[in-house]
Structures are given as structure tokens and as C-alpha cells.
């Protein structure tokens, strides 16, 4: 006996809830109401005859909606099927010689080169039917005027606007090239150039704040200032001194061994957080939604935003 396949909309809603751990976040990702998601899930569970999700309690117990054992089995099949459908559609478009759409994302220069660029390249390789263009924009852009599909911007902690999603919060700590051979003794800072970016109203990014915290006299320190974070980190990788690194922007450099962290676990929270913004008022491109979710997962936003 062959059973009919449940509606694709219901399967898509189920996969979104399982991935995001929340009916509300799934509704936001799919651009529908939470009640529509709930209706789809109830219908799917009724049709298959099994409970597919453990609902979040928001109190004692689970604070995240998660798939049941049956739900995990279904999710594996749904994700595989949708991936195959996407690949097939991309292949058909390519065979038809259809011009690939160009979608644009922006970030400031340092974030773009150190964090966004490698992740965008990874995502783009998985979605060859779209051409992605990354623009370096230092000021907060107007997405509509600039023609941007996505933008990474800054916000003060606790002051994220409606429609924005927290990408990551930063932590600041000293880093240097392993070639310097430092032992992590505070006095070593006074024997090397201290590299810092122009930091404005973010004292945690300035060496005077760190020297005071470490009990060192700043009058004996040699501080070299750069116009942006990228330049300071580049000088540190070259072994020219010690910089104040920002995680997760320097995480790839630390993992590759091009930088090492000093004085761990000492660190300072950043004065700003980074948020992801989408352009509204236009028909959503599914690739934009996919990149949006991909970057949130890469930034650890799911755990930070709860």
C-alpha cells in the first residue's frame, strides 16, 4: 500500500521548527504567522499518527522545541529530500542557460575580510545558482537605497531593533604571533609594540584600559595605532607586536596557529554586538533566507539570542 506524501508546506514548516527550536522563529524564517506554522504541524502529526515535536515549556523542563524520535527520523528524510530538490532545480536552471541572480551582502571591511568572506565563500559553493557580491561599507547602510539584500551592522547590547537578529557578541583579549615566543607575563607588554585600532567609545579595544587592568604603567608602553582592526591584526600576524584581538573575528587565525592568545582566560566584553539585517519590502529570495540562517548558525546566534 502506498501512502500519499504530506503537503510540502507542512514538511517545510516542520523542518523549520526543528531547525530553529521555536515555532515563532520558524514563522519568521518562512515569512508566515506562528498560527500558520502550528496549523501545519498539527495537520502533519494527525496525518502521520505520531507526535513529531516536544514543545518548549518556557518554564521548568525544556526551553526549546525539539523533535521526538519519530521527528528525528522524519527530519533526516525531509532535509535530504529538500537538498535533492534544490540541487535538481539548480541543475535545470543551469541547463536552461538562465542568468544567475546577483544578491548582495555588506559588512565593514574588517568583519568582511576576517569573518564573513570565508563563510560566504563556503555558502556560495553550496548554492551555485546564485552569484553573491560582498561589499565593504563602514557606515550603517540603508539597505533599500544601497540595494543590499543582507547587511551586518552594529548595535548596543540590549538595543537590537525589531527585524534585526543578533549575530554575535564580541570578546576582546590580547593576541600575538607565536613567533614572539611570549610566556604571557604582563611585563612582556612593555618590551613590544602594542598595536591597537582607532576605537572611539570602546575602551576595551584600547591598550591603556588593558595596561591599567594589568597594573602596568602606560607611560612606558609603545602604542601604535591603526585606522582599522584589519591593519592591527595584520601587523600582529607578521610579528610586529601585540594586538587586542576580537573574538570571533580572530578565531580562524587562532585555530590556524597564526595567532596565540595571551593572559587567558582574561577578556573584556565588547561595547557593541553585531546584528544581521534583511531588506524588507521586496519578495524574499529563498537564497537570502538560507544565507541568513547559515550566518546565524555560524555566529552562534541561536544560543546567544535565547
C-alpha atoms as a PDB file:
ATOM      1  CA  UNK A   1       0.000   0.000   0.000  1.00  0.00           C
ATOM      2  CA  UNK A   2       1.348   3.404  -0.973  1.00  0.00           C
ATOM      3  CA  UNK A   3       0.562   6.336   1.313  1.00  0.00           C
ATOM      4  CA  UNK A   4       0.436   9.833  -0.080  1.00  0.00           C
ATOM      5  CA  UNK A   5       3.217  12.219   0.822  1.00  0.00           C
ATOM      6  CA  UNK A   6       2.128  15.014   3.218  1.00  0.00           C
ATOM      7  CA  UNK A   7       1.988  18.550   1.766  1.00  0.00           C
ATOM      8  CA  UNK A   8       5.439  20.053   1.142  1.00  0.00           C
ATOM      9  CA  UNK A   9       4.403  23.198   3.051  1.00  0.00           C
ATOM     10  CA  UNK A  10       3.778  21.127   6.190  1.00  0.00           C
ATOM     11  CA  UNK A  11       7.084  19.298   5.835  1.00  0.00           C
ATOM     12  CA  UNK A  12       8.896  22.606   5.304  1.00  0.00           C
ATOM     13  CA  UNK A  13       7.230  24.069   8.412  1.00  0.00           C
ATOM     14  CA  UNK A  14       8.210  21.017  10.477  1.00  0.00           C
ATOM     15  CA  UNK A  15      11.850  21.210   9.315  1.00  0.00           C
ATOM     16  CA  UNK A  16      11.985  24.933  10.157  1.00  0.00           C
ATOM     17  CA  UNK A  17      10.645  24.378  13.697  1.00  0.00           C
ATOM     18  CA  UNK A  18      13.066  21.503  14.282  1.00  0.00           C
ATOM     19  CA  UNK A  19      15.998  23.586  12.992  1.00  0.00           C
ATOM     20  CA  UNK A  20      15.168  26.793  14.893  1.00  0.00           C
ATOM     21  CA  UNK A  21      13.810  25.173  18.060  1.00  0.00           C
ATOM     22  CA  UNK A  22      10.879  27.576  18.116  1.00  0.00           C
ATOM     23  CA  UNK A  23       7.525  27.993  16.350  1.00  0.00           C
ATOM     24  CA  UNK A  24       7.971  31.782  16.400  1.00  0.00           C
ATOM     25  CA  UNK A  25      11.458  31.712  14.850  1.00  0.00           C
ATOM     26  CA  UNK A  26      10.326  29.206  12.228  1.00  0.00           C
ATOM     27  CA  UNK A  27       7.426  31.502  11.313  1.00  0.00           C
ATOM     28  CA  UNK A  28       9.816  34.436  10.988  1.00  0.00           C
ATOM     29  CA  UNK A  29      12.164  32.440   8.751  1.00  0.00           C
ATOM     30  CA  UNK A  30       9.311  31.320   6.475  1.00  0.00           C
ATOM     31  CA  UNK A  31       7.542  34.710   6.467  1.00  0.00           C
ATOM     32  CA  UNK A  32       4.258  33.300   7.792  1.00  0.00           C
ATOM     33  CA  UNK A  33       2.336  33.602  11.066  1.00  0.00           C
ATOM     34  CA  UNK A  34       3.044  31.421  14.102  1.00  0.00           C
ATOM     35  CA  UNK A  35      -0.547  30.155  13.970  1.00  0.00           C
ATOM     36  CA  UNK A  36       0.017  29.003  10.368  1.00  0.00           C
ATOM     37  CA  UNK A  37       3.074  27.023  11.484  1.00  0.00           C
ATOM     38  CA  UNK A  38       1.101  25.471  14.366  1.00  0.00           C
ATOM     39  CA  UNK A  39      -1.716  24.517  11.988  1.00  0.00           C
ATOM     40  CA  UNK A  40       0.734  22.844   9.584  1.00  0.00           C
ATOM     41  CA  UNK A  41       2.410  20.868  12.374  1.00  0.00           C
ATOM     42  CA  UNK A  42      -0.909  19.706  13.880  1.00  0.00           C
ATOM     43  CA  UNK A  43      -2.076  18.521  10.466  1.00  0.00           C
ATOM     44  CA  UNK A  44       1.211  16.711   9.806  1.00  0.00           C
ATOM     45  CA  UNK A  45       1.142  14.919  13.171  1.00  0.00           C
ATOM     46  CA  UNK A  46      -2.504  13.932  12.614  1.00  0.00           C
ATOM     47  CA  UNK A  47      -1.745  12.567   9.138  1.00  0.00           C
ATOM     48  CA  UNK A  48       1.303  10.552  10.231  1.00  0.00           C
ATOM     49  CA  UNK A  49      -0.271   9.445  13.525  1.00  0.00           C
ATOM     50  CA  UNK A  50       2.696  10.301  15.745  1.00  0.00           C
ATOM     51  CA  UNK A  51       3.897  13.214  17.832  1.00  0.00           C
ATOM     52  CA  UNK A  52       6.822  14.808  15.985  1.00  0.00           C
ATOM     53  CA  UNK A  53       7.894  17.589  18.373  1.00  0.00           C
ATOM     54  CA  UNK A  54       8.451  18.044  22.079  1.00  0.00           C
ATOM     55  CA  UNK A  55       7.003  21.529  22.607  1.00  0.00           C
ATOM     56  CA  UNK A  56       9.012  24.085  24.627  1.00  0.00           C
ATOM     57  CA  UNK A  57       7.650  24.699  28.114  1.00  0.00           C
ATOM     58  CA  UNK A  58       9.372  28.095  28.745  1.00  0.00           C
ATOM     59  CA  UNK A  59       9.477  27.100  32.381  1.00  0.00           C
ATOM     60  CA  UNK A  60      10.655  24.000  34.168  1.00  0.00           C
ATOM     61  CA  UNK A  61      11.845  21.457  31.641  1.00  0.00           C
ATOM     62  CA  UNK A  62      12.788  22.043  28.043  1.00  0.00           C
ATOM     63  CA  UNK A  63      13.046  25.661  26.884  1.00  0.00           C
ATOM     64  CA  UNK A  64      13.460  24.601  23.249  1.00  0.00           C
ATOM     65  CA  UNK A  65      11.120  22.791  20.888  1.00  0.00           C
ATOM     66  CA  UNK A  66      12.891  19.644  19.703  1.00  0.00           C
ATOM     67  CA  UNK A  67      11.986  16.671  17.506  1.00  0.00           C
ATOM     68  CA  UNK A  68      10.879  13.377  19.045  1.00  0.00           C
ATOM     69  CA  UNK A  69      12.473  10.109  17.967  1.00  0.00           C
ATOM     70  CA  UNK A  70       9.918   9.899  15.153  1.00  0.00           C
ATOM     71  CA  UNK A  71      10.560  13.556  14.355  1.00  0.00           C
ATOM     72  CA  UNK A  72      14.308  12.987  14.024  1.00  0.00           C
ATOM     73  CA  UNK A  73      13.655  10.159  11.565  1.00  0.00           C
ATOM     74  CA  UNK A  74      11.319  12.367   9.518  1.00  0.00           C
ATOM     75  CA  UNK A  75      13.682  15.358   9.673  1.00  0.00           C
ATOM     76  CA  UNK A  76      16.536  13.355   8.169  1.00  0.00           C
ATOM     77  CA  UNK A  77      14.375  12.367   5.223  1.00  0.00           C
ATOM     78  CA  UNK A  78      12.905  15.845   4.763  1.00  0.00           C
ATOM     79  CA  UNK A  79      16.276  17.596   4.751  1.00  0.00           C
ATOM     80  CA  UNK A  80      17.723  15.055   2.311  1.00  0.00           C
ATOM     81  CA  UNK A  81      14.724  15.395   0.013  1.00  0.00           C
ATOM     82  CA  UNK A  82      14.753  19.200   0.024  1.00  0.00           C
ATOM     83  CA  UNK A  83      18.513  19.233  -0.631  1.00  0.00           C
ATOM     84  CA  UNK A  84      17.989  16.943  -3.627  1.00  0.00           C
ATOM     85  CA  UNK A  85      15.116  19.098  -4.890  1.00  0.00           C
ATOM     86  CA  UNK A  86      17.244  22.243  -4.601  1.00  0.00           C
ATOM     87  CA  UNK A  87      20.145  20.618  -6.443  1.00  0.00           C
ATOM     88  CA  UNK A  88      17.830  19.384  -9.202  1.00  0.00           C
ATOM     89  CA  UNK A  89      16.223  22.794  -9.661  1.00  0.00           C
ATOM     90  CA  UNK A  90      19.657  24.435  -9.798  1.00  0.00           C
ATOM     91  CA  UNK A  91      20.737  21.910 -12.438  1.00  0.00           C
ATOM     92  CA  UNK A  92      17.640  22.587 -14.535  1.00  0.00           C
ATOM     93  CA  UNK A  93      18.208  26.348 -14.349  1.00  0.00           C
ATOM     94  CA  UNK A  94      21.830  25.890 -15.373  1.00  0.00           C
ATOM     95  CA  UNK A  95      20.826  23.653 -18.287  1.00  0.00           C
ATOM     96  CA  UNK A  96      18.348  26.275 -19.437  1.00  0.00           C
ATOM     97  CA  UNK A  97      21.116  28.870 -19.503  1.00  0.00           C
ATOM     98  CA  UNK A  98      19.190  31.038 -17.099  1.00  0.00           C
ATOM     99  CA  UNK A  99      21.130  34.051 -15.864  1.00  0.00           C
ATOM    100  CA  UNK A 100      22.004  33.669 -12.198  1.00  0.00           C
ATOM    101  CA  UNK A 101      20.612  36.343  -9.880  1.00  0.00           C
ATOM    102  CA  UNK A 102      23.111  38.576  -8.097  1.00  0.00           C
ATOM    103  CA  UNK A 103      22.492  39.027  -4.371  1.00  0.00           C
ATOM    104  CA  UNK A 104      24.468  41.471  -2.229  1.00  0.00           C
ATOM    105  CA  UNK A 105      25.569  41.495   1.412  1.00  0.00           C
ATOM    106  CA  UNK A 106      27.583  44.172   3.212  1.00  0.00           C
ATOM    107  CA  UNK A 107      29.797  44.385   6.285  1.00  0.00           C
ATOM    108  CA  UNK A 108      32.558  46.669   7.443  1.00  0.00           C
ATOM    109  CA  UNK A 109      35.975  45.940   5.981  1.00  0.00           C
ATOM    110  CA  UNK A 110      37.492  44.100   8.938  1.00  0.00           C
ATOM    111  CA  UNK A 111      34.473  41.927   9.652  1.00  0.00           C
ATOM    112  CA  UNK A 112      34.061  41.277   5.949  1.00  0.00           C
ATOM    113  CA  UNK A 113      37.592  40.017   5.370  1.00  0.00           C
ATOM    114  CA  UNK A 114      38.227  38.210   8.655  1.00  0.00           C
ATOM    115  CA  UNK A 115      34.841  36.593   9.347  1.00  0.00           C
ATOM    116  CA  UNK A 116      32.290  36.966   6.556  1.00  0.00           C
ATOM    117  CA  UNK A 117      34.383  36.276   3.429  1.00  0.00           C
ATOM    118  CA  UNK A 118      35.340  32.641   4.172  1.00  0.00           C
ATOM    119  CA  UNK A 119      31.811  31.804   5.315  1.00  0.00           C
ATOM    120  CA  UNK A 120      30.196  33.450   2.319  1.00  0.00           C
ATOM    121  CA  UNK A 121      32.541  31.520   0.020  1.00  0.00           C
ATOM    122  CA  UNK A 122      31.569  28.250   1.719  1.00  0.00           C
ATOM    123  CA  UNK A 123      27.872  29.034   1.377  1.00  0.00           C
ATOM    124  CA  UNK A 124      28.221  30.149  -2.241  1.00  0.00           C
ATOM    125  CA  UNK A 125      29.925  26.873  -3.179  1.00  0.00           C
ATOM    126  CA  UNK A 126      26.881  25.037  -1.849  1.00  0.00           C
ATOM    127  CA  UNK A 127      24.457  27.268  -3.829  1.00  0.00           C
ATOM    128  CA  UNK A 128      25.962  27.697  -7.309  1.00  0.00           C
ATOM    129  CA  UNK A 129      22.754  29.045  -8.879  1.00  0.00           C
ATOM    130  CA  UNK A 130      23.296  32.475  -7.258  1.00  0.00           C
ATOM    131  CA  UNK A 131      26.105  34.995  -7.589  1.00  0.00           C
ATOM    132  CA  UNK A 132      26.916  36.648  -4.279  1.00  0.00           C
ATOM    133  CA  UNK A 133      28.537  40.069  -4.060  1.00  0.00           C
ATOM    134  CA  UNK A 134      30.097  41.213  -0.770  1.00  0.00           C
ATOM    135  CA  UNK A 135      30.537  44.961  -0.299  1.00  0.00           C
ATOM    136  CA  UNK A 136      32.680  46.655   2.354  1.00  0.00           C
ATOM    137  CA  UNK A 137      30.672  49.531   3.864  1.00  0.00           C
ATOM    138  CA  UNK A 138      31.976  51.161   7.036  1.00  0.00           C
ATOM    139  CA  UNK A 139      28.916  53.213   7.971  1.00  0.00           C
ATOM    140  CA  UNK A 140      25.492  51.749   8.782  1.00  0.00           C
ATOM    141  CA  UNK A 141      23.950  51.325   5.292  1.00  0.00           C
ATOM    142  CA  UNK A 142      20.422  51.971   4.077  1.00  0.00           C
ATOM    143  CA  UNK A 143      19.611  48.558   2.605  1.00  0.00           C
ATOM    144  CA  UNK A 144      16.899  49.899   0.329  1.00  0.00           C
ATOM    145  CA  UNK A 145      18.970  52.751  -1.086  1.00  0.00           C
ATOM    146  CA  UNK A 146      22.146  50.677  -1.412  1.00  0.00           C
ATOM    147  CA  UNK A 147      20.331  47.723  -2.994  1.00  0.00           C
ATOM    148  CA  UNK A 148      21.519  45.298  -0.311  1.00  0.00           C
ATOM    149  CA  UNK A 149      19.787  42.002   0.394  1.00  0.00           C
ATOM    150  CA  UNK A 150      21.559  41.493   3.738  1.00  0.00           C
ATOM    151  CA  UNK A 151      23.791  43.648   5.910  1.00  0.00           C
ATOM    152  CA  UNK A 152      25.831  43.031   9.042  1.00  0.00           C
ATOM    153  CA  UNK A 153      25.741  46.059  11.316  1.00  0.00           C
ATOM    154  CA  UNK A 154      26.404  47.058  14.913  1.00  0.00           C
ATOM    155  CA  UNK A 155      24.091  47.662  17.856  1.00  0.00           C
ATOM    156  CA  UNK A 156      24.485  48.284  21.544  1.00  0.00           C
ATOM    157  CA  UNK A 157      23.845  45.190  23.688  1.00  0.00           C
ATOM    158  CA  UNK A 158      20.177  45.086  24.632  1.00  0.00           C
ATOM    159  CA  UNK A 159      19.211  47.649  21.973  1.00  0.00           C
ATOM    160  CA  UNK A 160      18.576  45.439  18.943  1.00  0.00           C
ATOM    161  CA  UNK A 161      15.799  46.785  16.715  1.00  0.00           C
ATOM    162  CA  UNK A 162      12.795  44.820  15.533  1.00  0.00           C
ATOM    163  CA  UNK A 163      13.659  42.893  12.383  1.00  0.00           C
ATOM    164  CA  UNK A 164      17.322  42.508  13.366  1.00  0.00           C
ATOM    165  CA  UNK A 165      18.868  39.276  14.611  1.00  0.00           C
ATOM    166  CA  UNK A 166      21.835  39.019  16.939  1.00  0.00           C
ATOM    167  CA  UNK A 167      24.766  37.520  15.010  1.00  0.00           C
ATOM    168  CA  UNK A 168      27.359  37.513  17.774  1.00  0.00           C
ATOM    169  CA  UNK A 169      28.692  39.449  20.740  1.00  0.00           C
ATOM    170  CA  UNK A 170      32.419  40.132  20.861  1.00  0.00           C
ATOM    171  CA  UNK A 171      35.044  39.493  23.492  1.00  0.00           C
ATOM    172  CA  UNK A 172      38.416  41.280  23.489  1.00  0.00           C
ATOM    173  CA  UNK A 173      41.783  39.866  24.584  1.00  0.00           C
ATOM    174  CA  UNK A 174      45.495  40.272  23.701  1.00  0.00           C
ATOM    175  CA  UNK A 175      46.923  38.212  20.811  1.00  0.00           C
ATOM    176  CA  UNK A 176      50.271  37.965  19.056  1.00  0.00           C
ATOM    177  CA  UNK A 177      52.239  35.825  16.643  1.00  0.00           C
ATOM    178  CA  UNK A 178      53.612  32.615  18.191  1.00  0.00           C
ATOM    179  CA  UNK A 179      56.947  33.669  16.674  1.00  0.00           C
ATOM    180  CA  UNK A 180      57.346  36.217  19.500  1.00  0.00           C
ATOM    181  CA  UNK A 181      57.632  33.345  21.982  1.00  0.00           C
ATOM    182  CA  UNK A 182      55.867  35.221  24.798  1.00  0.00           C
ATOM    183  CA  UNK A 183      55.161  33.481  28.089  1.00  0.00           C
ATOM    184  CA  UNK A 184      52.089  35.544  28.986  1.00  0.00           C
ATOM    185  CA  UNK A 185      53.835  37.649  31.652  1.00  0.00           C
ATOM    186  CA  UNK A 186      52.356  41.144  31.935  1.00  0.00           C
ATOM    187  CA  UNK A 187      55.723  42.917  31.893  1.00  0.00           C
ATOM    188  CA  UNK A 188      56.423  41.493  28.428  1.00  0.00           C
ATOM    189  CA  UNK A 189      53.934  44.014  27.055  1.00  0.00           C
ATOM    190  CA  UNK A 190      56.330  46.847  27.797  1.00  0.00           C
ATOM    191  CA  UNK A 191      59.032  45.289  25.608  1.00  0.00           C
ATOM    192  CA  UNK A 192      56.928  45.094  22.448  1.00  0.00           C
ATOM    193  CA  UNK A 193      54.865  47.413  20.298  1.00  0.00           C
ATOM    194  CA  UNK A 194      51.223  47.449  21.367  1.00  0.00           C
ATOM    195  CA  UNK A 195      49.002  47.508  18.300  1.00  0.00           C
ATOM    196  CA  UNK A 196      45.517  48.978  18.528  1.00  0.00           C
ATOM    197  CA  UNK A 197      42.755  50.159  16.221  1.00  0.00           C
ATOM    198  CA  UNK A 198      41.055  53.537  16.491  1.00  0.00           C
ATOM    199  CA  UNK A 199      38.380  52.610  18.986  1.00  0.00           C
ATOM    200  CA  UNK A 200      36.359  55.732  19.785  1.00  0.00           C
ATOM    201  CA  UNK A 201      33.946  54.995  22.636  1.00  0.00           C
ATOM    202  CA  UNK A 202      35.006  51.355  23.067  1.00  0.00           C
ATOM    203  CA  UNK A 203      37.607  51.450  25.865  1.00  0.00           C
ATOM    204  CA  UNK A 204      38.049  47.662  25.899  1.00  0.00           C
ATOM    205  CA  UNK A 205      39.763  47.999  22.489  1.00  0.00           C
ATOM    206  CA  UNK A 206      42.384  50.408  23.845  1.00  0.00           C
ATOM    207  CA  UNK A 207      45.686  49.381  25.400  1.00  0.00           C
ATOM    208  CA  UNK A 208      45.501  51.988  28.178  1.00  0.00           C
ATOM    209  CA  UNK A 209      42.452  50.167  29.568  1.00  0.00           C
ATOM    210  CA  UNK A 210      44.306  46.869  29.472  1.00  0.00           C
ATOM    211  CA  UNK A 211      47.532  48.222  30.941  1.00  0.00           C
ATOM    212  CA  UNK A 212      45.579  49.675  33.860  1.00  0.00           C
ATOM    213  CA  UNK A 213      43.787  46.350  34.372  1.00  0.00           C
ATOM    214  CA  UNK A 214      47.138  44.523  34.379  1.00  0.00           C
ATOM    215  CA  UNK A 215      48.719  47.039  36.762  1.00  0.00           C
ATOM    216  CA  UNK A 216      51.283  48.333  34.262  1.00  0.00           C
ATOM    217  CA  UNK A 217      52.359  51.964  33.702  1.00  0.00           C
ATOM    218  CA  UNK A 218      51.133  53.150  30.318  1.00  0.00           C
ATOM    219  CA  UNK A 219      53.891  55.811  30.165  1.00  0.00           C
ATOM    220  CA  UNK A 220      56.444  53.079  29.421  1.00  0.00           C
ATOM    221  CA  UNK A 221      54.382  51.427  26.681  1.00  0.00           C
ATOM    222  CA  UNK A 222      54.860  51.907  22.932  1.00  0.00           C
ATOM    223  CA  UNK A 223      51.390  52.083  21.380  1.00  0.00           C
ATOM    224  CA  UNK A 224      50.953  52.008  17.599  1.00  0.00           C
ATOM    225  CA  UNK A 225      47.504  52.993  16.305  1.00  0.00           C
ATOM    226  CA  UNK A 226      45.868  51.875  13.081  1.00  0.00           C
ATOM    227  CA  UNK A 227      42.769  53.167  11.343  1.00  0.00           C
ATOM    228  CA  UNK A 228      41.060  49.785  11.460  1.00  0.00           C
ATOM    229  CA  UNK A 229      41.136  46.380  13.121  1.00  0.00           C
ATOM    230  CA  UNK A 230      42.310  44.585   9.989  1.00  0.00           C
ATOM    231  CA  UNK A 231      45.581  46.545   9.936  1.00  0.00           C
ATOM    232  CA  UNK A 232      46.321  45.923  13.610  1.00  0.00           C
ATOM    233  CA  UNK A 233      45.691  42.184  13.283  1.00  0.00           C
ATOM    234  CA  UNK A 234      47.777  42.004  10.091  1.00  0.00           C
ATOM    235  CA  UNK A 235      50.704  43.592  11.927  1.00  0.00           C
ATOM    236  CA  UNK A 236      50.288  41.145  14.816  1.00  0.00           C
ATOM    237  CA  UNK A 237      50.290  38.133  12.471  1.00  0.00           C
ATOM    238  CA  UNK A 238      53.505  39.487  10.932  1.00  0.00           C
ATOM    239  CA  UNK A 239      55.114  39.502  14.395  1.00  0.00           C
ATOM    240  CA  UNK A 240      55.282  43.304  14.684  1.00  0.00           C
ATOM    241  CA  UNK A 241      53.730  43.458  18.128  1.00  0.00           C
ATOM    242  CA  UNK A 242      50.778  42.557  20.328  1.00  0.00           C
ATOM    243  CA  UNK A 243      47.217  43.423  19.312  1.00  0.00           C
ATOM    244  CA  UNK A 244      43.868  43.363  21.052  1.00  0.00           C
ATOM    245  CA  UNK A 245      42.008  40.621  19.247  1.00  0.00           C
ATOM    246  CA  UNK A 246      38.245  40.366  18.948  1.00  0.00           C
ATOM    247  CA  UNK A 247      36.545  37.001  19.042  1.00  0.00           C
ATOM    248  CA  UNK A 248      35.013  35.555  16.912  1.00  0.00           C
ATOM    249  CA  UNK A 249      36.769  37.690  14.281  1.00  0.00           C
ATOM    250  CA  UNK A 250      40.206  36.269  15.149  1.00  0.00           C
ATOM    251  CA  UNK A 251      39.015  32.726  15.867  1.00  0.00           C
ATOM    252  CA  UNK A 252      40.138  31.429  12.458  1.00  0.00           C
ATOM    253  CA  UNK A 253      43.607  32.929  12.973  1.00  0.00           C
ATOM    254  CA  UNK A 254      43.862  31.323  16.406  1.00  0.00           C
ATOM    255  CA  UNK A 255      42.692  27.945  15.086  1.00  0.00           C
ATOM    256  CA  UNK A 256      45.245  28.097  12.251  1.00  0.00           C
ATOM    257  CA  UNK A 257      48.058  28.940  14.678  1.00  0.00           C
ATOM    258  CA  UNK A 258      48.823  32.313  13.098  1.00  0.00           C
ATOM    259  CA  UNK A 259      47.939  33.997  16.395  1.00  0.00           C
ATOM    260  CA  UNK A 260      48.061  32.897  20.019  1.00  0.00           C
ATOM    261  CA  UNK A 261      46.051  34.268  22.900  1.00  0.00           C
ATOM    262  CA  UNK A 262      47.757  35.876  25.905  1.00  0.00           C
ATOM    263  CA  UNK A 263      46.581  36.019  29.533  1.00  0.00           C
ATOM    264  CA  UNK A 264      43.704  33.554  29.011  1.00  0.00           C
ATOM    265  CA  UNK A 265      41.048  33.419  30.354  1.00  0.00           C
ATOM    266  CA  UNK A 266      41.222  37.191  30.945  1.00  0.00           C
ATOM    267  CA  UNK A 267      38.989  39.046  28.472  1.00  0.00           C
ATOM    268  CA  UNK A 268      36.623  42.028  28.234  1.00  0.00           C
ATOM    269  CA  UNK A 269      33.158  42.179  26.675  1.00  0.00           C
ATOM    270  CA  UNK A 270      32.760  44.312  23.568  1.00  0.00           C
ATOM    271  CA  UNK A 271      30.828  47.584  23.715  1.00  0.00           C
ATOM    272  CA  UNK A 272      28.901  46.575  20.576  1.00  0.00           C
ATOM    273  CA  UNK A 273      27.260  43.466  19.199  1.00  0.00           C
ATOM    274  CA  UNK A 274      26.870  42.575  15.528  1.00  0.00           C
ATOM    275  CA  UNK A 275      23.414  42.100  14.048  1.00  0.00           C
ATOM    276  CA  UNK A 276      22.081  40.728  10.779  1.00  0.00           C
ATOM    277  CA  UNK A 277      19.566  42.827   8.841  1.00  0.00           C
ATOM    278  CA  UNK A 278      17.404  41.902   5.852  1.00  0.00           C
ATOM    279  CA  UNK A 279      15.942  44.245   3.283  1.00  0.00           C
ATOM    280  CA  UNK A 280      12.168  44.427   3.579  1.00  0.00           C
ATOM    281  CA  UNK A 281       9.502  45.448   1.120  1.00  0.00           C
ATOM    282  CA  UNK A 282      10.558  43.055  -1.673  1.00  0.00           C
ATOM    283  CA  UNK A 283       9.667  39.473  -2.473  1.00  0.00           C
ATOM    284  CA  UNK A 284      12.085  37.333  -0.397  1.00  0.00           C
ATOM    285  CA  UNK A 285      14.594  35.273  -2.368  1.00  0.00           C
ATOM    286  CA  UNK A 286      14.926  31.793  -0.792  1.00  0.00           C
ATOM    287  CA  UNK A 287      18.715  32.014  -1.076  1.00  0.00           C
ATOM    288  CA  UNK A 288      18.690  35.147   1.095  1.00  0.00           C
ATOM    289  CA  UNK A 289      16.747  33.295   3.773  1.00  0.00           C
ATOM    290  CA  UNK A 290      19.172  30.372   3.540  1.00  0.00           C
ATOM    291  CA  UNK A 291      22.241  32.599   3.872  1.00  0.00           C
ATOM    292  CA  UNK A 292      20.548  34.472   6.734  1.00  0.00           C
ATOM    293  CA  UNK A 293      20.105  31.223   8.675  1.00  0.00           C
ATOM    294  CA  UNK A 294      23.563  29.945   7.686  1.00  0.00           C
ATOM    295  CA  UNK A 295      25.271  33.041   9.072  1.00  0.00           C
ATOM    296  CA  UNK A 296      23.222  32.994  12.276  1.00  0.00           C
ATOM    297  CA  UNK A 297      24.305  29.411  12.881  1.00  0.00           C
ATOM    298  CA  UNK A 298      27.946  30.291  12.066  1.00  0.00           C
ATOM    299  CA  UNK A 299      27.850  33.188  14.526  1.00  0.00           C
ATOM    300  CA  UNK A 300      26.331  31.069  17.292  1.00  0.00           C
ATOM    301  CA  UNK A 301      23.304  33.363  17.292  1.00  0.00           C
ATOM    302  CA  UNK A 302      20.839  30.657  18.207  1.00  0.00           C
ATOM    303  CA  UNK A 303      22.407  30.193  21.630  1.00  0.00           C
ATOM    304  CA  UNK A 304      23.181  33.886  22.151  1.00  0.00           C
ATOM    305  CA  UNK A 305      19.725  35.154  21.296  1.00  0.00           C
ATOM    306  CA  UNK A 306      17.816  32.986  23.759  1.00  0.00           C
END
